[in-house]
Amino acid sequence: QEQLVESGGGLVQAGGSLRLSCAASRSIYSFNVLGWYRQAPGNQRELVADITSNRGITYADSVKGRFTISRDDTKNAVVLQMDNLKPEDTAVYYCAAKRTWLSQDYWGQGTQVTVSS
């Protein structure tokens, strides 16, 4: 069973930065897509950013220019660097790992990010 463990969430003032990390229990080479999603109260879960095995990257329009996603295959991790945070970024952030050709999705337990104004 694949396990993903997020870390790095917390409380920060608007304009500040946080770095989220997601560690996989096994090699991430087998996943063709790694990503971060978020869900605010009353909202649906939405894509924040994802990165493919050939380093193709997608960002939500709301985070472009502020967030950076990267993957570290040597550490079996995917990282989300979040800069210039805004109160509307407040949400629970989830790490996801996918084998799209097998329709397999794995999710972390989520980490809370709170941005105060």
Protein backbone atom coordinates (compact mmCIF):
# COMPACT_ATOMS: atom_id res chain seq x y z
CA GLN A 1 0.00 0.00 0.00
CA GLU A 2 1.40 3.35 -1.00
CA GLN A 3 1.67 5.97 1.73
CA LEU A 4 2.13 9.70 1.35
CA VAL A 5 2.98 11.92 4.32
CA GLU A 6 2.76 15.70 4.09
CA SER A 7 4.60 18.16 6.29
CA GLY A 8 5.27 21.88 6.44
CA GLY A 9 1.84 23.40 6.91
CA GLY A 10 1.10 26.04 9.51
CA LEU A 11 0.04 29.61 10.20
CA VAL A 12 1.66 32.49 8.34
CA GLN A 13 0.88 36.14 7.72
CA ALA A 14 -0.10 37.39 4.30
CA GLY A 15 2.97 37.87 2.15
CA GLY A 16 4.86 35.13 3.93
CA SER A 17 6.12 31.76 2.69
CA LEU A 18 5.67 28.10 3.50
CA ARG A 19 7.26 24.99 2.07
CA LEU A 20 5.20 21.81 1.89
CA SER A 21 6.86 18.46 1.46
CA CYS A 22 5.32 15.09 0.65
CA ALA A 23 7.30 11.93 1.27
CA ALA A 24 6.31 8.67 -0.39
CA SER A 25 6.79 5.33 1.32
CA ARG A 26 8.28 3.87 -1.86
CA SER A 27 9.97 5.10 -4.98
CA ILE A 28 8.10 7.82 -6.83
CA TYR A 29 9.47 6.62 -10.16
CA SER A 30 6.36 4.49 -10.64
CA PHE A 31 4.04 7.51 -10.51
CA ASN A 32 3.66 9.49 -13.71
CA VAL A 33 1.93 12.42 -11.99
CA LEU A 34 2.62 13.99 -8.59
CA GLY A 35 0.61 16.92 -7.38
CA TRP A 36 -0.79 19.16 -4.71
CA TYR A 37 -4.47 19.86 -4.24
CA ARG A 38 -6.29 21.99 -1.69
CA GLN A 39 -9.72 22.18 -0.16
CA ALA A 40 -11.11 25.17 1.69
CA PRO A 41 -14.24 24.88 3.88
CA GLY A 42 -17.36 24.71 1.73
CA ASN A 43 -15.34 24.31 -1.47
CA GLN A 44 -14.47 21.38 -3.67
CA ARG A 45 -10.95 20.03 -3.76
CA GLU A 46 -8.99 21.79 -6.48
CA LEU A 47 -5.68 21.31 -8.23
CA VAL A 48 -2.91 23.64 -7.07
CA ALA A 49 -0.04 22.24 -9.13
CA ASP A 50 1.18 19.00 -10.58
CA ILE A 51 4.32 17.67 -12.21
CA THR A 52 4.68 14.74 -14.55
CA SER A 53 7.47 12.20 -14.85
CA ASN A 54 8.88 14.12 -17.82
CA ARG A 55 8.81 17.36 -15.74
CA GLY A 56 5.73 18.85 -17.36
CA ILE A 57 4.16 21.29 -14.86
CA THR A 58 0.67 22.69 -14.46
CA TYR A 59 -0.34 25.46 -12.05
CA ALA A 60 -3.73 26.80 -11.10
CA ASP A 61 -4.12 30.35 -12.41
CA SER A 62 -4.54 31.61 -8.85
CA VAL A 63 -1.04 30.48 -7.80
CA LYS A 64 1.01 31.13 -10.94
CA GLY A 65 4.08 33.20 -10.18
CA ARG A 66 3.79 32.53 -6.43
CA PHE A 67 4.02 28.75 -6.02
CA THR A 68 6.68 26.35 -7.31
CA ILE A 69 6.35 22.58 -7.48
CA SER A 70 9.32 20.25 -7.75
CA ARG A 71 10.09 16.58 -7.35
CA ASP A 72 13.15 15.02 -5.76
CA ASP A 73 13.43 11.46 -7.01
CA THR A 74 16.41 10.75 -4.72
CA LYS A 75 14.25 11.52 -1.66
CA ASN A 76 10.99 10.16 -3.06
CA ALA A 77 9.40 13.54 -2.41
CA VAL A 78 7.41 16.27 -4.06
CA VAL A 79 7.72 19.80 -2.73
CA LEU A 80 5.50 22.86 -3.00
CA GLN A 81 7.20 26.18 -2.31
CA MET A 82 4.56 28.82 -1.57
CA ASP A 83 5.57 32.47 -1.60
CA ASN A 84 3.59 35.71 -1.27
CA LEU A 85 0.77 33.83 0.43
CA LYS A 86 -2.68 35.33 0.51
CA PRO A 87 -5.61 34.73 2.91
CA GLU A 88 -7.46 33.00 0.06
CA ASP A 89 -4.74 30.34 0.02
CA THR A 90 -6.03 29.10 3.38
CA ALA A 91 -7.03 25.45 2.98
CA VAL A 92 -6.07 21.89 3.73
CA TYR A 93 -3.40 20.89 1.24
CA TYR A 94 -3.22 17.32 -0.02
CA CYS A 95 -0.43 15.51 -1.80
CA ALA A 96 -1.41 13.13 -4.61
CA ALA A 97 0.47 10.48 -6.55
CA LYS A 98 -1.05 8.91 -9.64
CA ARG A 99 -0.48 6.08 -12.07
CA THR A 100 -2.88 7.35 -14.67
CA TRP A 101 -2.50 4.38 -17.00
CA LEU A 102 -3.80 2.15 -14.17
CA SER A 103 -6.34 4.67 -12.84
CA GLN A 104 -4.59 4.56 -9.45
CA ASP A 105 -4.63 7.59 -7.17
CA TYR A 106 -3.03 7.87 -3.74
CA TRP A 107 -3.54 10.71 -1.29
CA GLY A 108 -1.88 12.02 1.82
CA GLN A 109 -3.77 12.88 4.98
CA GLY A 110 -3.60 16.63 4.37
CA THR A 111 -1.84 19.51 6.07
CA GLN A 112 -3.49 22.76 7.16
CA VAL A 113 -2.27 26.05 5.73
CA THR A 114 -3.69 29.20 7.30
CA VAL A 115 -2.82 32.67 6.03
CA SER A 116 -3.83 35.60 8.23
CA SER A 117 -4.48 39.06 6.85
